[in-house]
Amino acid sequence: MARPSKYSCINLSADEVSRLTDITSSRTEMVRTVQRAKIILLTAEGISVTAIADKLDLNRKSVELCLDKYLESGLE
């Protein structure tokens, strides 16, 4: 059995989901900000780091760094 991910603890409030969804659909936000919002939303949906990396055409380390920053600082 696989061990649980350290990111499985990410649970978003309705306000956070709304804010992140707004960012992902924005045409004026920086690409990196949109990417981070997508990573956080997908993680909260229970999608694995590897699957997120594949879906967004990133490497696992980039996804993990983004999630580590989120766990450290929250939405900023």
PDB file of N, CA and C in Angstrom:
ATOM      1  N   MET A   1       0.835  -1.168   0.000  1.00  0.00           N
ATOM      2  CA  MET A   1       0.000   0.000   0.000  1.00  0.00           C
ATOM      3  C   MET A   1       0.889   1.244   0.000  1.00  0.00           C
ATOM      4  N   ALA A   2       0.533   2.224  -0.803  1.00  0.00           N
ATOM      5  CA  ALA A   2       1.313   3.447  -0.900  1.00  0.00           C
ATOM      6  C   ALA A   2       1.117   4.296   0.351  1.00  0.00           C
ATOM      7  N   ARG A   3       2.171   4.994   0.723  1.00  0.00           N
ATOM      8  CA  ARG A   3       2.043   5.878   1.885  1.00  0.00           C
ATOM      9  C   ARG A   3       1.308   7.148   1.482  1.00  0.00           C
ATOM     10  N   PRO A   4       0.607   7.752   2.401  1.00  0.00           N
ATOM     11  CA  PRO A   4      -0.138   8.967   2.075  1.00  0.00           C
ATOM     12  C   PRO A   4       0.816  10.123   1.777  1.00  0.00           C
ATOM     13  N   SER A   5       0.429  10.957   0.865  1.00  0.00           N
ATOM     14  CA  SER A   5       1.222  12.115   0.494  1.00  0.00           C
ATOM     15  C   SER A   5       1.177  13.153   1.608  1.00  0.00           C
ATOM     16  N   LYS A   6       2.266  13.887   1.777  1.00  0.00           N
ATOM     17  CA  LYS A   6       2.253  14.954   2.787  1.00  0.00           C
ATOM     18  C   LYS A   6       1.348  16.101   2.353  1.00  0.00           C
ATOM     19  N   TYR A   7       0.916  16.070   1.104  1.00  0.00           N
ATOM     20  CA  TYR A   7       0.037  17.116   0.589  1.00  0.00           C
ATOM     21  C   TYR A   7      -1.439  16.739   0.682  1.00  0.00           C
ATOM     22  N   SER A   8      -1.727  15.549   1.172  1.00  0.00           N
ATOM     23  CA  SER A   8      -3.121  15.117   1.275  1.00  0.00           C
ATOM     24  C   SER A   8      -3.883  15.899   2.340  1.00  0.00           C
ATOM     25  N   CYS A   9      -3.155  16.674   3.138  1.00  0.00           N
ATOM     26  CA  CYS A   9      -3.796  17.467   4.192  1.00  0.00           C
ATOM     27  C   CYS A   9      -4.348  18.788   3.663  1.00  0.00           C
ATOM     28  N   ILE A  10      -4.161  19.075   2.390  1.00  0.00           N
ATOM     29  CA  ILE A  10      -4.624  20.349   1.838  1.00  0.00           C
ATOM     30  C   ILE A  10      -6.136  20.302   1.649  1.00  0.00           C
ATOM     31  N   ASN A  11      -6.809  21.098   2.447  1.00  0.00           N
ATOM     32  CA  ASN A  11      -8.259  21.257   2.352  1.00  0.00           C
ATOM     33  C   ASN A  11      -8.532  22.740   2.184  1.00  0.00           C
ATOM     34  N   LEU A  12      -9.336  23.076   1.207  1.00  0.00           N
ATOM     35  CA  LEU A  12      -9.613  24.482   0.911  1.00  0.00           C
ATOM     36  C   LEU A  12     -11.018  24.868   1.345  1.00  0.00           C
ATOM     37  N   SER A  13     -11.142  26.079   1.833  1.00  0.00           N
ATOM     38  CA  SER A  13     -12.471  26.615   2.145  1.00  0.00           C
ATOM     39  C   SER A  13     -13.142  27.019   0.835  1.00  0.00           C
ATOM     40  N   ALA A  14     -14.429  27.262   0.893  1.00  0.00           N
ATOM     41  CA  ALA A  14     -15.162  27.692  -0.302  1.00  0.00           C
ATOM     42  C   ALA A  14     -14.599  29.006  -0.831  1.00  0.00           C
ATOM     43  N   ASP A  15     -14.205  29.904   0.069  1.00  0.00           N
ATOM     44  CA  ASP A  15     -13.619  31.183  -0.353  1.00  0.00           C
ATOM     45  C   ASP A  15     -12.294  30.977  -1.079  1.00  0.00           C
ATOM     46  N   GLU A  16     -11.471  30.067  -0.561  1.00  0.00           N
ATOM     47  CA  GLU A  16     -10.185  29.789  -1.203  1.00  0.00           C
ATOM     48  C   GLU A  16     -10.387  29.170  -2.579  1.00  0.00           C
ATOM     49  N   VAL A  17     -11.325  28.238  -2.681  1.00  0.00           N
ATOM     50  CA  VAL A  17     -11.618  27.621  -3.978  1.00  0.00           C
ATOM     51  C   VAL A  17     -12.084  28.685  -4.960  1.00  0.00           C
ATOM     52  N   SER A  18     -12.956  29.557  -4.512  1.00  0.00           N
ATOM     53  CA  SER A  18     -13.464  30.625  -5.368  1.00  0.00           C
ATOM     54  C   SER A  18     -12.337  31.543  -5.826  1.00  0.00           C
ATOM     55  N   ARG A  19     -11.490  31.919  -4.893  1.00  0.00           N
ATOM     56  CA  ARG A  19     -10.368  32.812  -5.230  1.00  0.00           C
ATOM     57  C   ARG A  19      -9.414  32.154  -6.221  1.00  0.00           C
ATOM     58  N   LEU A  20      -9.071  30.886  -5.973  1.00  0.00           N
ATOM     59  CA  LEU A  20      -8.162  30.171  -6.869  1.00  0.00           C
ATOM     60  C   LEU A  20      -8.788  29.952  -8.243  1.00  0.00           C
ATOM     61  N   THR A  21     -10.072  29.661  -8.275  1.00  0.00           N
ATOM     62  CA  THR A  21     -10.769  29.472  -9.550  1.00  0.00           C
ATOM     63  C   THR A  21     -10.771  30.770 -10.350  1.00  0.00           C
ATOM     64  N   ASP A  22     -10.986  31.884  -9.673  1.00  0.00           N
ATOM     65  CA  ASP A  22     -10.927  33.189 -10.347  1.00  0.00           C
ATOM     66  C   ASP A  22      -9.547  33.428 -10.951  1.00  0.00           C
ATOM     67  N   ILE A  23      -8.515  33.065 -10.215  1.00  0.00           N
ATOM     68  CA  ILE A  23      -7.146  33.239 -10.713  1.00  0.00           C
ATOM     69  C   ILE A  23      -6.911  32.378 -11.945  1.00  0.00           C
ATOM     70  N   THR A  24      -7.375  31.124 -11.913  1.00  0.00           N
ATOM     71  CA  THR A  24      -7.121  30.224 -13.044  1.00  0.00           C
ATOM     72  C   THR A  24      -7.834  30.663 -14.313  1.00  0.00           C
ATOM     73  N   SER A  25      -8.925  31.397 -14.166  1.00  0.00           N
ATOM     74  CA  SER A  25      -9.651  31.841 -15.362  1.00  0.00           C
ATOM     75  C   SER A  25      -9.288  33.269 -15.767  1.00  0.00           C
ATOM     76  N   SER A  26      -8.381  33.881 -15.027  1.00  0.00           N
ATOM     77  CA  SER A  26      -7.976  35.256 -15.316  1.00  0.00           C
ATOM     78  C   SER A  26      -7.099  35.315 -16.562  1.00  0.00           C
ATOM     79  N   ARG A  27      -7.281  36.365 -17.320  1.00  0.00           N
ATOM     80  CA  ARG A  27      -6.451  36.570 -18.502  1.00  0.00           C
ATOM     81  C   ARG A  27      -5.374  37.621 -18.232  1.00  0.00           C
ATOM     82  N   THR A  28      -5.360  38.179 -17.031  1.00  0.00           N
ATOM     83  CA  THR A  28      -4.389  39.220 -16.712  1.00  0.00           C
ATOM     84  C   THR A  28      -3.369  38.794 -15.660  1.00  0.00           C
ATOM     85  N   GLU A  29      -3.623  37.681 -14.973  1.00  0.00           N
ATOM     86  CA  GLU A  29      -2.665  37.181 -13.976  1.00  0.00           C
ATOM     87  C   GLU A  29      -1.424  36.636 -14.682  1.00  0.00           C
ATOM     88  N   MET A  30      -0.308  36.660 -13.971  1.00  0.00           N
ATOM     89  CA  MET A  30       0.915  36.083 -14.517  1.00  0.00           C
ATOM     90  C   MET A  30       0.729  34.572 -14.665  1.00  0.00           C
ATOM     91  N   VAL A  31       1.361  34.014 -15.676  1.00  0.00           N
ATOM     92  CA  VAL A  31       1.230  32.581 -15.970  1.00  0.00           C
ATOM     93  C   VAL A  31       1.621  31.744 -14.754  1.00  0.00           C
ATOM     94  N   ARG A  32       2.666  32.125 -14.073  1.00  0.00           N
ATOM     95  CA  ARG A  32       3.135  31.360 -12.912  1.00  0.00           C
ATOM     96  C   ARG A  32       2.085  31.350 -11.797  1.00  0.00           C
ATOM     97  N   THR A  33       1.416  32.469 -11.606  1.00  0.00           N
ATOM     98  CA  THR A  33       0.375  32.557 -10.581  1.00  0.00           C
ATOM     99  C   THR A  33      -0.793  31.644 -10.927  1.00  0.00           C
ATOM    100  N   VAL A  34      -1.167  31.628 -12.195  1.00  0.00           N
ATOM    101  CA  VAL A  34      -2.254  30.754 -12.656  1.00  0.00           C
ATOM    102  C   VAL A  34      -1.858  29.294 -12.456  1.00  0.00           C
ATOM    103  N   GLN A  35      -0.615  28.978 -12.786  1.00  0.00           N
ATOM    104  CA  GLN A  35      -0.122  27.607 -12.633  1.00  0.00           C
ATOM    105  C   GLN A  35      -0.164  27.176 -11.164  1.00  0.00           C
ATOM    106  N   ARG A  36       0.260  28.050 -10.272  1.00  0.00           N
ATOM    107  CA  ARG A  36       0.236  27.730  -8.839  1.00  0.00           C
ATOM    108  C   ARG A  36      -1.186  27.487  -8.352  1.00  0.00           C
ATOM    109  N   ALA A  37      -2.109  28.314  -8.806  1.00  0.00           N
ATOM    110  CA  ALA A  37      -3.514  28.142  -8.416  1.00  0.00           C
ATOM    111  C   ALA A  37      -4.036  26.788  -8.889  1.00  0.00           C
ATOM    112  N   LYS A  38      -3.701  26.410 -10.113  1.00  0.00           N
ATOM    113  CA  LYS A  38      -4.135  25.113 -10.648  1.00  0.00           C
ATOM    114  C   LYS A  38      -3.552  23.966  -9.832  1.00  0.00           C
ATOM    115  N   ILE A  39      -2.280  24.072  -9.476  1.00  0.00           N
ATOM    116  CA  ILE A  39      -1.625  23.025  -8.688  1.00  0.00           C
ATOM    117  C   ILE A  39      -2.330  22.842  -7.349  1.00  0.00           C
ATOM    118  N   ILE A  40      -2.625  23.931  -6.686  1.00  0.00           N
ATOM    119  CA  ILE A  40      -3.277  23.859  -5.372  1.00  0.00           C
ATOM    120  C   ILE A  40      -4.676  23.272  -5.495  1.00  0.00           C
ATOM    121  N   LEU A  41      -5.435  23.713  -6.494  1.00  0.00           N
ATOM    122  CA  LEU A  41      -6.790  23.188  -6.690  1.00  0.00           C
ATOM    123  C   LEU A  41      -6.771  21.689  -6.986  1.00  0.00           C
ATOM    124  N   LEU A  42      -5.882  21.263  -7.873  1.00  0.00           N
ATOM    125  CA  LEU A  42      -5.811  19.844  -8.234  1.00  0.00           C
ATOM    126  C   LEU A  42      -5.387  18.991  -7.036  1.00  0.00           C
ATOM    127  N   THR A  43      -4.469  19.501  -6.234  1.00  0.00           N
ATOM    128  CA  THR A  43      -4.039  18.774  -5.040  1.00  0.00           C
ATOM    129  C   THR A  43      -5.195  18.625  -4.060  1.00  0.00           C
ATOM    130  N   ALA A  44      -5.957  19.684  -3.882  1.00  0.00           N
ATOM    131  CA  ALA A  44      -7.109  19.638  -2.969  1.00  0.00           C
ATOM    132  C   ALA A  44      -8.161  18.644  -3.452  1.00  0.00           C
ATOM    133  N   GLU A  45      -8.190  18.385  -4.767  1.00  0.00           N
ATOM    134  CA  GLU A  45      -9.120  17.395  -5.324  1.00  0.00           C
ATOM    135  C   GLU A  45      -8.606  15.971  -5.140  1.00  0.00           C
ATOM    136  N   GLY A  46      -7.393  15.828  -4.611  1.00  0.00           N
ATOM    137  CA  GLY A  46      -6.840  14.506  -4.349  1.00  0.00           C
ATOM    138  C   GLY A  46      -5.996  13.941  -5.472  1.00  0.00           C
ATOM    139  N   ILE A  47      -5.636  14.765  -6.430  1.00  0.00           N
ATOM    140  CA  ILE A  47      -4.827  14.310  -7.561  1.00  0.00           C
ATOM    141  C   ILE A  47      -3.360  14.265  -7.132  1.00  0.00           C
ATOM    142  N   SER A  48      -2.652  13.243  -7.549  1.00  0.00           N
ATOM    143  CA  SER A  48      -1.266  13.040  -7.122  1.00  0.00           C
ATOM    144  C   SER A  48      -0.327  14.065  -7.755  1.00  0.00           C
ATOM    145  N   VAL A  49       0.819  14.240  -7.116  1.00  0.00           N
ATOM    146  CA  VAL A  49       1.834  15.169  -7.614  1.00  0.00           C
ATOM    147  C   VAL A  49       2.268  14.770  -9.021  1.00  0.00           C
ATOM    148  N   THR A  50       2.468  13.482  -9.243  1.00  0.00           N
ATOM    149  CA  THR A  50       2.888  13.009 -10.562  1.00  0.00           C
ATOM    150  C   THR A  50       1.838  13.315 -11.619  1.00  0.00           C
ATOM    151  N   ALA A  51       0.575  13.069 -11.307  1.00  0.00           N
ATOM    152  CA  ALA A  51      -0.504  13.339 -12.262  1.00  0.00           C
ATOM    153  C   ALA A  51      -0.616  14.837 -12.549  1.00  0.00           C
ATOM    154  N   ILE A  52      -0.445  15.662 -11.529  1.00  0.00           N
ATOM    155  CA  ILE A  52      -0.495  17.116 -11.729  1.00  0.00           C
ATOM    156  C   ILE A  52       0.664  17.554 -12.616  1.00  0.00           C
ATOM    157  N   ALA A  53       1.850  17.036 -12.340  1.00  0.00           N
ATOM    158  CA  ALA A  53       3.019  17.380 -13.152  1.00  0.00           C
ATOM    159  C   ALA A  53       2.790  17.007 -14.612  1.00  0.00           C
ATOM    160  N   ASP A  54       2.241  15.823 -14.849  1.00  0.00           N
ATOM    161  CA  ASP A  54       1.951  15.392 -16.221  1.00  0.00           C
ATOM    162  C   ASP A  54       0.902  16.279 -16.870  1.00  0.00           C
ATOM    163  N   LYS A  55      -0.161  16.574 -16.146  1.00  0.00           N
ATOM    164  CA  LYS A  55      -1.270  17.361 -16.687  1.00  0.00           C
ATOM    165  C   LYS A  55      -0.840  18.777 -17.054  1.00  0.00           C
ATOM    166  N   LEU A  56       0.014  19.381 -16.220  1.00  0.00           N
ATOM    167  CA  LEU A  56       0.421  20.770 -16.438  1.00  0.00           C
ATOM    168  C   LEU A  56       1.770  20.888 -17.146  1.00  0.00           C
ATOM    169  N   ASP A  57       2.314  19.754 -17.562  1.00  0.00           N
ATOM    170  CA  ASP A  57       3.593  19.704 -18.273  1.00  0.00           C
ATOM    171  C   ASP A  57       4.719  20.339 -17.443  1.00  0.00           C
ATOM    172  N   LEU A  58       4.796  19.914 -16.194  1.00  0.00           N
ATOM    173  CA  LEU A  58       5.827  20.368 -15.269  1.00  0.00           C
ATOM    174  C   LEU A  58       6.567  19.154 -14.742  1.00  0.00           C
ATOM    175  N   ASN A  59       7.654  19.385 -14.016  1.00  0.00           N
ATOM    176  CA  ASN A  59       8.287  18.250 -13.353  1.00  0.00           C
ATOM    177  C   ASN A  59       7.782  18.170 -11.917  1.00  0.00           C
ATOM    178  N   ARG A  60       7.950  17.015 -11.316  1.00  0.00           N
ATOM    179  CA  ARG A  60       7.440  16.777  -9.957  1.00  0.00           C
ATOM    180  C   ARG A  60       7.994  17.789  -8.959  1.00  0.00           C
ATOM    181  N   LYS A  61       9.261  18.118  -9.107  1.00  0.00           N
ATOM    182  CA  LYS A  61       9.913  19.030  -8.165  1.00  0.00           C
ATOM    183  C   LYS A  61       9.239  20.404  -8.186  1.00  0.00           C
ATOM    184  N   SER A  62       8.862  20.890  -9.352  1.00  0.00           N
ATOM    185  CA  SER A  62       8.179  22.190  -9.453  1.00  0.00           C
ATOM    186  C   SER A  62       6.846  22.157  -8.721  1.00  0.00           C
ATOM    187  N   VAL A  63       6.117  21.069  -8.886  1.00  0.00           N
ATOM    188  CA  VAL A  63       4.826  20.920  -8.208  1.00  0.00           C
ATOM    189  C   VAL A  63       5.045  20.855  -6.699  1.00  0.00           C
ATOM    190  N   GLU A  64       6.021  20.078  -6.267  1.00  0.00           N
ATOM    191  CA  GLU A  64       6.302  19.950  -4.837  1.00  0.00           C
ATOM    192  C   GLU A  64       6.739  21.277  -4.221  1.00  0.00           C
ATOM    193  N   LEU A  65       7.560  22.047  -4.928  1.00  0.00           N
ATOM    194  CA  LEU A  65       7.990  23.356  -4.419  1.00  0.00           C
ATOM    195  C   LEU A  65       6.804  24.290  -4.238  1.00  0.00           C
ATOM    196  N   CYS A  66       5.912  24.291  -5.206  1.00  0.00           N
ATOM    197  CA  CYS A  66       4.713  25.120  -5.121  1.00  0.00           C
ATOM    198  C   CYS A  66       3.871  24.718  -3.910  1.00  0.00           C
ATOM    199  N   LEU A  67       3.671  23.443  -3.725  1.00  0.00           N
ATOM    200  CA  LEU A  67       2.856  22.962  -2.604  1.00  0.00           C
ATOM    201  C   LEU A  67       3.532  23.216  -1.260  1.00  0.00           C
ATOM    202  N   ASP A  68       4.850  23.089  -1.222  1.00  0.00           N
ATOM    203  CA  ASP A  68       5.577  23.394   0.015  1.00  0.00           C
ATOM    204  C   ASP A  68       5.403  24.867   0.387  1.00  0.00           C
ATOM    205  N   LYS A  69       5.480  25.746  -0.609  1.00  0.00           N
ATOM    206  CA  LYS A  69       5.274  27.177  -0.357  1.00  0.00           C
ATOM    207  C   LYS A  69       3.856  27.428   0.145  1.00  0.00           C
ATOM    208  N   TYR A  70       2.890  26.741  -0.443  1.00  0.00           N
ATOM    209  CA  TYR A  70       1.506  26.910  -0.005  1.00  0.00           C
ATOM    210  C   TYR A  70       1.342  26.451   1.445  1.00  0.00           C
ATOM    211  N   LEU A  71       1.917  25.302   1.785  1.00  0.00           N
ATOM    212  CA  LEU A  71       1.795  24.788   3.149  1.00  0.00           C
ATOM    213  C   LEU A  71       2.484  25.710   4.157  1.00  0.00           C
ATOM    214  N   GLU A  72       3.560  26.349   3.722  1.00  0.00           N
ATOM    215  CA  GLU A  72       4.304  27.258   4.586  1.00  0.00           C
ATOM    216  C   GLU A  72       3.587  28.592   4.784  1.00  0.00           C
ATOM    217  N   SER A  73       3.077  29.148   3.679  1.00  0.00           N
ATOM    218  CA  SER A  73       2.574  30.529   3.709  1.00  0.00           C
ATOM    219  C   SER A  73       1.093  30.684   3.413  1.00  0.00           C
ATOM    220  N   GLY A  74       0.469  29.647   2.918  1.00  0.00           N
ATOM    221  CA  GLY A  74      -0.933  29.766   2.516  1.00  0.00           C
ATOM    222  C   GLY A  74      -1.062  30.553   1.219  1.00  0.00           C
ATOM    223  N   LEU A  75      -2.228  31.086   0.973  1.00  0.00           N
ATOM    224  CA  LEU A  75      -2.458  31.874  -0.239  1.00  0.00           C
ATOM    225  C   LEU A  75      -1.904  33.278  -0.031  1.00  0.00           C
ATOM    226  N   GLU A  76      -0.923  33.642  -0.810  1.00  0.00           N
ATOM    227  CA  GLU A  76      -0.368  34.992  -0.714  1.00  0.00           C
ATOM    228  C   GLU A  76      -0.149  35.577  -2.060  1.00  0.00           C
TER     229      GLU A  76
END
